[in-house]
Amino acid sequence: MPNPKALFCPTCRKVVLATDPDFPFCSDRCRILDLGKWASGGYVISSPVHDPDLLDELEGLQHRGQSSTNEDGDR
């Protein structure tokens, strides 16, 4: 039987085995702290979007969102 894969918890850097119930985190606390960083904007995806079709779609959604409010910001 091969040894289970081990990684470091992304939050506290403690060693975690792939068989642990909270993998890849060492605990539910570290999982929630990580989620909080994503929710608060602490983590960002830094690479720009290069897919022209996706960029067009995102720009279209942005323009539609702006046009659905009047000058006072009311819908």
C-alpha atoms as a PDB file:
ATOM      1  CA  MET A   1       0.000   0.000   0.000  1.00  0.00           C
ATOM      2  CA  PRO A   2       1.567   3.353  -1.034  1.00  0.00           C
ATOM      3  CA  ASN A   3       1.932   6.181   1.442  1.00  0.00           C
ATOM      4  CA  PRO A   4      -0.854   8.788   1.256  1.00  0.00           C
ATOM      5  CA  LYS A   5       0.009  12.067  -0.459  1.00  0.00           C
ATOM      6  CA  ALA A   6       0.975  14.859   1.935  1.00  0.00           C
ATOM      7  CA  LEU A   7       0.761  18.610   1.386  1.00  0.00           C
ATOM      8  CA  PHE A   8       1.063  21.701   3.508  1.00  0.00           C
ATOM      9  CA  CYS A   9      -2.115  23.389   4.747  1.00  0.00           C
ATOM     10  CA  PRO A  10      -2.459  26.564   2.633  1.00  0.00           C
ATOM     11  CA  THR A  11      -3.398  28.582   5.725  1.00  0.00           C
ATOM     12  CA  CYS A  12      -1.016  27.497   8.500  1.00  0.00           C
ATOM     13  CA  ARG A  13       1.527  25.388   6.550  1.00  0.00           C
ATOM     14  CA  LYS A  14       1.011  22.306   8.793  1.00  0.00           C
ATOM     15  CA  VAL A  15       1.553  18.937   7.035  1.00  0.00           C
ATOM     16  CA  VAL A  16      -1.755  17.380   5.950  1.00  0.00           C
ATOM     17  CA  LEU A  17      -2.275  13.891   4.545  1.00  0.00           C
ATOM     18  CA  ALA A  18      -4.624  13.326   1.597  1.00  0.00           C
ATOM     19  CA  THR A  19      -6.602  10.946   3.805  1.00  0.00           C
ATOM     20  CA  ASP A  20      -7.373  13.636   6.402  1.00  0.00           C
ATOM     21  CA  PRO A  21     -11.052  14.704   6.449  1.00  0.00           C
ATOM     22  CA  ASP A  22     -10.302  18.418   5.948  1.00  0.00           C
ATOM     23  CA  PHE A  23      -7.715  17.912   3.171  1.00  0.00           C
ATOM     24  CA  PRO A  24      -6.137  20.080   1.780  1.00  0.00           C
ATOM     25  CA  PHE A  25      -6.598  22.040   5.009  1.00  0.00           C
ATOM     26  CA  CYS A  26      -5.563  20.757   8.429  1.00  0.00           C
ATOM     27  CA  SER A  27      -8.826  21.816  10.094  1.00  0.00           C
ATOM     28  CA  ASP A  28     -12.209  23.388   9.495  1.00  0.00           C
ATOM     29  CA  ARG A  29     -10.855  26.602  11.066  1.00  0.00           C
ATOM     30  CA  CYS A  30      -8.137  26.901   8.397  1.00  0.00           C
ATOM     31  CA  ARG A  31     -10.721  26.174   5.679  1.00  0.00           C
ATOM     32  CA  ILE A  32     -12.965  29.003   6.948  1.00  0.00           C
ATOM     33  CA  LEU A  33     -10.037  31.424   7.265  1.00  0.00           C
ATOM     34  CA  ASP A  34      -9.105  30.688   3.648  1.00  0.00           C
ATOM     35  CA  LEU A  35     -12.695  31.229   2.488  1.00  0.00           C
ATOM     36  CA  GLY A  36     -12.748  34.537   4.379  1.00  0.00           C
ATOM     37  CA  LYS A  37      -9.655  35.729   2.514  1.00  0.00           C
ATOM     38  CA  TRP A  38     -11.334  34.971  -0.825  1.00  0.00           C
ATOM     39  CA  ALA A  39     -14.571  36.671   0.257  1.00  0.00           C
ATOM     40  CA  SER A  40     -12.812  39.819   1.504  1.00  0.00           C
ATOM     41  CA  GLY A  41     -10.680  40.177  -1.617  1.00  0.00           C
ATOM     42  CA  GLY A  42      -7.488  39.095   0.133  1.00  0.00           C
ATOM     43  CA  TYR A  43      -6.815  36.709  -2.731  1.00  0.00           C
ATOM     44  CA  VAL A  44      -7.040  37.775  -6.350  1.00  0.00           C
ATOM     45  CA  ILE A  45      -6.441  36.043  -9.638  1.00  0.00           C
ATOM     46  CA  SER A  46      -3.649  38.105 -11.109  1.00  0.00           C
ATOM     47  CA  SER A  47      -3.438  36.855 -14.679  1.00  0.00           C
ATOM     48  CA  PRO A  48      -5.504  38.861 -17.176  1.00  0.00           C
ATOM     49  CA  VAL A  49      -8.208  37.294 -19.320  1.00  0.00           C
ATOM     50  CA  HIS A  50      -6.877  36.754 -22.848  1.00  0.00           C
ATOM     51  CA  ASP A  51      -9.890  35.019 -24.416  1.00  0.00           C
ATOM     52  CA  PRO A  52     -11.441  37.647 -26.757  1.00  0.00           C
ATOM     53  CA  ASP A  53     -14.882  35.984 -26.695  1.00  0.00           C
ATOM     54  CA  LEU A  54     -14.930  35.996 -22.893  1.00  0.00           C
ATOM     55  CA  LEU A  55     -13.778  39.639 -22.796  1.00  0.00           C
ATOM     56  CA  ASP A  56     -16.616  40.640 -25.161  1.00  0.00           C
ATOM     57  CA  GLU A  57     -19.125  38.767 -22.998  1.00  0.00           C
ATOM     58  CA  LEU A  58     -17.859  40.400 -19.789  1.00  0.00           C
ATOM     59  CA  GLU A  59     -17.944  43.874 -21.362  1.00  0.00           C
ATOM     60  CA  GLY A  60     -21.502  43.244 -22.558  1.00  0.00           C
ATOM     61  CA  LEU A  61     -22.583  42.245 -19.055  1.00  0.00           C
ATOM     62  CA  GLN A  62     -20.911  45.319 -17.591  1.00  0.00           C
ATOM     63  CA  HIS A  63     -22.645  47.671 -20.062  1.00  0.00           C
ATOM     64  CA  ARG A  64     -26.037  46.058 -19.436  1.00  0.00           C
ATOM     65  CA  GLY A  65     -25.574  46.480 -15.684  1.00  0.00           C
ATOM     66  CA  GLN A  66     -24.800  50.196 -16.073  1.00  0.00           C
ATOM     67  CA  SER A  67     -27.730  50.850 -18.398  1.00  0.00           C
ATOM     68  CA  SER A  68     -30.242  49.273 -16.000  1.00  0.00           C
ATOM     69  CA  THR A  69     -29.812  52.151 -13.493  1.00  0.00           C
ATOM     70  CA  ASN A  70     -30.831  55.778 -14.006  1.00  0.00           C
ATOM     71  CA  GLU A  71     -28.717  58.836 -13.195  1.00  0.00           C
ATOM     72  CA  ASP A  72     -29.735  58.688  -9.489  1.00  0.00           C
ATOM     73  CA  GLY A  73     -28.631  55.057  -9.259  1.00  0.00           C
ATOM     74  CA  ASP A  74     -32.227  53.837  -9.001  1.00  0.00           C
ATOM     75  CA  ARG A  75     -33.538  50.970 -11.099  1.00  0.00           C
END
